[in-house]
Amino acid sequence: TAARVLLQTQGRSATMFGAPDWTQA
């Protein structure tokens, strides 16, 4: 769960810079 939350946080941060949103996956 901690790893998933960390990846979600990084995914959201990456979407701010124009990367695709992969948090749902």
PDB file of all heavy atoms in Angstrom:
ATOM      1  N   THR A   1       0.838  -1.202   0.000  1.00  0.00           N
ATOM      2  CA  THR A   1       0.000   0.000   0.000  1.00  0.00           C
ATOM      3  C   THR A   1       0.876   1.257   0.000  1.00  0.00           C
ATOM      4  O   THR A   1       0.608   2.220  -0.737  1.00  0.00           O
ATOM      5  CB  THR A   1      -0.944   0.003   1.219  1.00  0.00           C
ATOM      6  OG1 THR A   1      -1.757  -1.165   1.168  1.00  0.00           O
ATOM      7  CG2 THR A   1      -1.838   1.226   1.239  1.00  0.00           C
ATOM      8  N   ALA A   2       1.921   1.242   0.795  1.00  0.00           N
ATOM      9  CA  ALA A   2       2.842   2.397   0.836  1.00  0.00           C
ATOM     10  C   ALA A   2       3.508   2.589  -0.522  1.00  0.00           C
ATOM     11  O   ALA A   2       3.633   3.732  -1.002  1.00  0.00           O
ATOM     12  CB  ALA A   2       3.887   2.197   1.927  1.00  0.00           C
ATOM     13  N   ALA A   3       3.920   1.497  -1.145  1.00  0.00           N
ATOM     14  CA  ALA A   3       4.541   1.598  -2.471  1.00  0.00           C
ATOM     15  C   ALA A   3       3.538   2.138  -3.488  1.00  0.00           C
ATOM     16  O   ALA A   3       3.878   2.963  -4.343  1.00  0.00           O
ATOM     17  CB  ALA A   3       5.073   0.242  -2.910  1.00  0.00           C
ATOM     18  N   ARG A   4       2.280   1.675  -3.410  1.00  0.00           N
ATOM     19  CA  ARG A   4       1.247   2.148  -4.333  1.00  0.00           C
ATOM     20  C   ARG A   4       0.995   3.637  -4.137  1.00  0.00           C
ATOM     21  O   ARG A   4       0.891   4.414  -5.097  1.00  0.00           O
ATOM     22  CB  ARG A   4      -0.046   1.340  -4.132  1.00  0.00           C
ATOM     23  CG  ARG A   4      -1.104   1.669  -5.179  1.00  0.00           C
ATOM     24  CD  ARG A   4      -2.327   0.765  -5.093  1.00  0.00           C
ATOM     25  NE  ARG A   4      -3.030   0.965  -3.832  1.00  0.00           N
ATOM     26  CZ  ARG A   4      -3.375  -0.003  -2.992  1.00  0.00           C
ATOM     27  NH1 ARG A   4      -3.106  -1.245  -3.283  1.00  0.00           N
ATOM     28  NH2 ARG A   4      -3.998   0.261  -1.879  1.00  0.00           N
ATOM     29  N   VAL A   5       0.909   4.081  -2.880  1.00  0.00           N
ATOM     30  CA  VAL A   5       0.691   5.505  -2.598  1.00  0.00           C
ATOM     31  C   VAL A   5       1.868   6.324  -3.101  1.00  0.00           C
ATOM     32  O   VAL A   5       1.680   7.411  -3.689  1.00  0.00           O
ATOM     33  CB  VAL A   5       0.455   5.723  -1.078  1.00  0.00           C
ATOM     34  CG1 VAL A   5       0.505   7.197  -0.716  1.00  0.00           C
ATOM     35  CG2 VAL A   5      -0.876   5.114  -0.660  1.00  0.00           C
ATOM     36  N   LEU A   6       3.071   5.844  -2.915  1.00  0.00           N
ATOM     37  CA  LEU A   6       4.249   6.548  -3.403  1.00  0.00           C
ATOM     38  C   LEU A   6       4.227   6.658  -4.929  1.00  0.00           C
ATOM     39  O   LEU A   6       4.485   7.739  -5.490  1.00  0.00           O
ATOM     40  CB  LEU A   6       5.519   5.821  -2.944  1.00  0.00           C
ATOM     41  CG  LEU A   6       6.845   6.437  -3.397  1.00  0.00           C
ATOM     42  CD1 LEU A   6       7.040   7.808  -2.755  1.00  0.00           C
ATOM     43  CD2 LEU A   6       7.997   5.526  -3.064  1.00  0.00           C
ATOM     44  N   LEU A   7       3.883   5.563  -5.602  1.00  0.00           N
ATOM     45  CA  LEU A   7       3.795   5.606  -7.065  1.00  0.00           C
ATOM     46  C   LEU A   7       2.676   6.539  -7.536  1.00  0.00           C
ATOM     47  O   LEU A   7       2.809   7.232  -8.544  1.00  0.00           O
ATOM     48  CB  LEU A   7       3.587   4.198  -7.631  1.00  0.00           C
ATOM     49  CG  LEU A   7       4.816   3.272  -7.577  1.00  0.00           C
ATOM     50  CD1 LEU A   7       4.431   1.860  -7.996  1.00  0.00           C
ATOM     51  CD2 LEU A   7       5.927   3.808  -8.460  1.00  0.00           C
ATOM     52  N   GLN A   8       1.555   6.548  -6.818  1.00  0.00           N
ATOM     53  CA  GLN A   8       0.463   7.465  -7.174  1.00  0.00           C
ATOM     54  C   GLN A   8       0.909   8.918  -7.031  1.00  0.00           C
ATOM     55  O   GLN A   8       0.620   9.766  -7.887  1.00  0.00           O
ATOM     56  CB  GLN A   8      -0.767   7.216  -6.287  1.00  0.00           C
ATOM     57  CG  GLN A   8      -1.513   5.967  -6.607  1.00  0.00           C
ATOM     58  CD  GLN A   8      -2.625   5.701  -5.580  1.00  0.00           C
ATOM     59  OE1 GLN A   8      -2.694   6.327  -4.526  1.00  0.00           O
ATOM     60  NE2 GLN A   8      -3.486   4.759  -5.912  1.00  0.00           N
ATOM     61  N   THR A   9       1.627   9.185  -5.946  1.00  0.00           N
ATOM     62  CA  THR A   9       2.114  10.548  -5.726  1.00  0.00           C
ATOM     63  C   THR A   9       3.076  10.953  -6.836  1.00  0.00           C
ATOM     64  O   THR A   9       2.987  12.073  -7.376  1.00  0.00           O
ATOM     65  CB  THR A   9       2.810  10.650  -4.357  1.00  0.00           C
ATOM     66  OG1 THR A   9       1.904  10.214  -3.353  1.00  0.00           O
ATOM     67  CG2 THR A   9       3.251  12.065  -4.059  1.00  0.00           C
ATOM     68  N   GLN A  10       3.948  10.061  -7.197  1.00  0.00           N
ATOM     69  CA  GLN A  10       4.884  10.369  -8.278  1.00  0.00           C
ATOM     70  C   GLN A  10       4.154  10.514  -9.610  1.00  0.00           C
ATOM     71  O   GLN A  10       4.516  11.367 -10.426  1.00  0.00           O
ATOM     72  CB  GLN A  10       5.960   9.272  -8.372  1.00  0.00           C
ATOM     73  CG  GLN A  10       6.952   9.316  -7.225  1.00  0.00           C
ATOM     74  CD  GLN A  10       7.987   8.214  -7.322  1.00  0.00           C
ATOM     75  OE1 GLN A  10       7.858   7.272  -8.095  1.00  0.00           O
ATOM     76  NE2 GLN A  10       9.033   8.333  -6.513  1.00  0.00           N
ATOM     77  N   GLY A  11       3.119   9.677  -9.806  1.00  0.00           N
ATOM     78  CA  GLY A  11       2.333   9.779 -11.043  1.00  0.00           C
ATOM     79  C   GLY A  11       1.612  11.101 -11.138  1.00  0.00           C
ATOM     80  O   GLY A  11       1.561  11.726 -12.207  1.00  0.00           O
ATOM     81  N   ARG A  12       1.043  11.545 -10.020  1.00  0.00           N
ATOM     82  CA  ARG A  12       0.350  12.847 -10.025  1.00  0.00           C
ATOM     83  C   ARG A  12       1.345  13.987 -10.261  1.00  0.00           C
ATOM     84  O   ARG A  12       1.045  14.965 -10.955  1.00  0.00           O
ATOM     85  CB  ARG A  12      -0.395  13.042  -8.710  1.00  0.00           C
ATOM     86  CG  ARG A  12      -1.615  12.184  -8.608  1.00  0.00           C
ATOM     87  CD  ARG A  12      -2.441  12.507  -7.366  1.00  0.00           C
ATOM     88  NE  ARG A  12      -3.460  11.484  -7.197  1.00  0.00           N
ATOM     89  CZ  ARG A  12      -3.595  10.709  -6.139  1.00  0.00           C
ATOM     90  NH1 ARG A  12      -2.774  10.842  -5.122  1.00  0.00           N
ATOM     91  NH2 ARG A  12      -4.543   9.808  -6.084  1.00  0.00           N
ATOM     92  N   SER A  13       2.508  13.853  -9.654  1.00  0.00           N
ATOM     93  CA  SER A  13       3.537  14.886  -9.867  1.00  0.00           C
ATOM     94  C   SER A  13       3.958  14.912 -11.330  1.00  0.00           C
ATOM     95  O   SER A  13       4.170  15.986 -11.910  1.00  0.00           O
ATOM     96  CB  SER A  13       4.756  14.613  -8.995  1.00  0.00           C
ATOM     97  OG  SER A  13       4.424  14.689  -7.647  1.00  0.00           O
ATOM     98  N   ALA A  14       4.046  13.738 -11.944  1.00  0.00           N
ATOM     99  CA  ALA A  14       4.451  13.665 -13.354  1.00  0.00           C
ATOM    100  C   ALA A  14       3.379  14.248 -14.259  1.00  0.00           C
ATOM    101  O   ALA A  14       3.689  14.850 -15.296  1.00  0.00           O
ATOM    102  CB  ALA A  14       4.747  12.221 -13.736  1.00  0.00           C
ATOM    103  N   THR A  15       2.075  14.133 -13.892  1.00  0.00           N
ATOM    104  CA  THR A  15       1.009  14.709 -14.722  1.00  0.00           C
ATOM    105  C   THR A  15       1.060  16.228 -14.714  1.00  0.00           C
ATOM    106  O   THR A  15       0.648  16.866 -15.671  1.00  0.00           O
ATOM    107  CB  THR A  15      -0.385  14.237 -14.252  1.00  0.00           C
ATOM    108  OG1 THR A  15      -0.574  14.555 -12.895  1.00  0.00           O
ATOM    109  CG2 THR A  15      -0.586  12.774 -14.508  1.00  0.00           C
ATOM    110  N   MET A  16       1.592  16.811 -13.648  1.00  0.00           N
ATOM    111  CA  MET A  16       1.723  18.268 -13.611  1.00  0.00           C
ATOM    112  C   MET A  16       2.704  18.763 -14.666  1.00  0.00           C
ATOM    113  O   MET A  16       2.606  19.887 -15.114  1.00  0.00           O
ATOM    114  CB  MET A  16       2.195  18.713 -12.226  1.00  0.00           C
ATOM    115  CG  MET A  16       1.145  18.687 -11.177  1.00  0.00           C
ATOM    116  SD  MET A  16       1.775  19.517  -9.715  1.00  0.00           S
ATOM    117  CE  MET A  16       1.497  18.258  -8.524  1.00  0.00           C
ATOM    118  N   PHE A  17       3.624  17.900 -15.037  1.00  0.00           N
ATOM    119  CA  PHE A  17       4.623  18.284 -16.039  1.00  0.00           C
ATOM    120  C   PHE A  17       4.270  17.749 -17.424  1.00  0.00           C
ATOM    121  O   PHE A  17       5.107  17.746 -18.316  1.00  0.00           O
ATOM    122  CB  PHE A  17       6.009  17.788 -15.629  1.00  0.00           C
ATOM    123  CG  PHE A  17       6.496  18.413 -14.362  1.00  0.00           C
ATOM    124  CD1 PHE A  17       6.522  17.714 -13.167  1.00  0.00           C
ATOM    125  CD2 PHE A  17       6.922  19.738 -14.357  1.00  0.00           C
ATOM    126  CE1 PHE A  17       6.972  18.303 -12.003  1.00  0.00           C
ATOM    127  CE2 PHE A  17       7.378  20.323 -13.184  1.00  0.00           C
ATOM    128  CZ  PHE A  17       7.411  19.608 -11.995  1.00  0.00           C
ATOM    129  N   GLY A  18       3.036  17.277 -17.595  1.00  0.00           N
ATOM    130  CA  GLY A  18       2.545  16.872 -18.896  1.00  0.00           C
ATOM    131  C   GLY A  18       2.649  15.390 -19.202  1.00  0.00           C
ATOM    132  O   GLY A  18       2.326  14.954 -20.303  1.00  0.00           O
ATOM    133  N   ALA A  19       3.065  14.565 -18.249  1.00  0.00           N
ATOM    134  CA  ALA A  19       3.131  13.110 -18.463  1.00  0.00           C
ATOM    135  C   ALA A  19       1.724  12.528 -18.367  1.00  0.00           C
ATOM    136  O   ALA A  19       0.838  13.098 -17.737  1.00  0.00           O
ATOM    137  CB  ALA A  19       4.036  12.483 -17.416  1.00  0.00           C
ATOM    138  N   PRO A  20       1.498  11.394 -19.014  1.00  0.00           N
ATOM    139  CA  PRO A  20       0.166  10.783 -18.938  1.00  0.00           C
ATOM    140  C   PRO A  20      -0.135  10.317 -17.505  1.00  0.00           C
ATOM    141  O   PRO A  20       0.756   9.967 -16.742  1.00  0.00           O
ATOM    142  CB  PRO A  20       0.244   9.605 -19.899  1.00  0.00           C
ATOM    143  CG  PRO A  20       1.677   9.392 -20.195  1.00  0.00           C
ATOM    144  CD  PRO A  20       2.409  10.640 -19.847  1.00  0.00           C
ATOM    145  N   ASP A  21      -1.410  10.291 -17.173  1.00  0.00           N
ATOM    146  CA  ASP A  21      -1.846   9.864 -15.828  1.00  0.00           C
ATOM    147  C   ASP A  21      -1.925   8.336 -15.796  1.00  0.00           C
ATOM    148  O   ASP A  21      -2.782   7.732 -16.419  1.00  0.00           O
ATOM    149  CB  ASP A  21      -3.206  10.499 -15.514  1.00  0.00           C
ATOM    150  CG  ASP A  21      -3.636  10.229 -14.084  1.00  0.00           C
ATOM    151  OD1 ASP A  21      -2.789   9.765 -13.277  1.00  0.00           O
ATOM    152  OD2 ASP A  21      -4.816  10.460 -13.771  1.00  0.00           O
ATOM    153  N   TRP A  22      -1.065   7.704 -15.082  1.00  0.00           N
ATOM    154  CA  TRP A  22      -1.060   6.253 -14.988  1.00  0.00           C
ATOM    155  C   TRP A  22      -1.414   5.773 -13.578  1.00  0.00           C
ATOM    156  O   TRP A  22      -1.216   4.630 -13.213  1.00  0.00           O
ATOM    157  CB  TRP A  22       0.284   5.647 -15.429  1.00  0.00           C
ATOM    158  CG  TRP A  22       1.521   6.398 -14.995  1.00  0.00           C
ATOM    159  CD1 TRP A  22       2.058   7.471 -15.622  1.00  0.00           C
ATOM    160  CD2 TRP A  22       2.339   6.144 -13.863  1.00  0.00           C
ATOM    161  NE1 TRP A  22       3.169   7.916 -14.967  1.00  0.00           N
ATOM    162  CE2 TRP A  22       3.374   7.099 -13.865  1.00  0.00           C
ATOM    163  CE3 TRP A  22       2.320   5.218 -12.827  1.00  0.00           C
ATOM    164  CZ2 TRP A  22       4.361   7.160 -12.906  1.00  0.00           C
ATOM    165  CZ3 TRP A  22       3.308   5.272 -11.879  1.00  0.00           C
ATOM    166  CH2 TRP A  22       4.318   6.232 -11.914  1.00  0.00           C
ATOM    167  N   THR A  23      -1.976   6.647 -12.748  1.00  0.00           N
ATOM    168  CA  THR A  23      -2.355   6.279 -11.383  1.00  0.00           C
ATOM    169  C   THR A  23      -3.507   5.277 -11.350  1.00  0.00           C
ATOM    170  O   THR A  23      -3.574   4.449 -10.448  1.00  0.00           O
ATOM    171  CB  THR A  23      -2.729   7.531 -10.568  1.00  0.00           C
ATOM    172  OG1 THR A  23      -3.772   8.239 -11.221  1.00  0.00           O
ATOM    173  CG2 THR A  23      -1.531   8.421 -10.361  1.00  0.00           C
ATOM    174  N   GLN A  24      -4.433   5.342 -12.317  1.00  0.00           N
ATOM    175  CA  GLN A  24      -5.550   4.387 -12.347  1.00  0.00           C
ATOM    176  C   GLN A  24      -5.038   2.952 -12.544  1.00  0.00           C
ATOM    177  O   GLN A  24      -5.539   2.023 -11.916  1.00  0.00           O
ATOM    178  CB  GLN A  24      -6.542   4.754 -13.466  1.00  0.00           C
ATOM    179  CG  GLN A  24      -7.255   6.068 -13.242  1.00  0.00           C
ATOM    180  CD  GLN A  24      -8.077   6.033 -11.964  1.00  0.00           C
ATOM    181  OE1 GLN A  24      -8.655   5.016 -11.604  1.00  0.00           O
ATOM    182  NE2 GLN A  24      -8.102   7.164 -11.260  1.00  0.00           N
ATOM    183  N   ALA A  25      -4.044   2.805 -13.415  1.00  0.00           N
ATOM    184  CA  ALA A  25      -3.460   1.473 -13.646  1.00  0.00           C
ATOM    185  C   ALA A  25      -2.801   0.949 -12.373  1.00  0.00           C
ATOM    186  O   ALA A  25      -2.917  -0.230 -12.038  1.00  0.00           O
ATOM    187  CB  ALA A  25      -2.465   1.527 -14.795  1.00  0.00           C
TER     188      ALA A  25
END
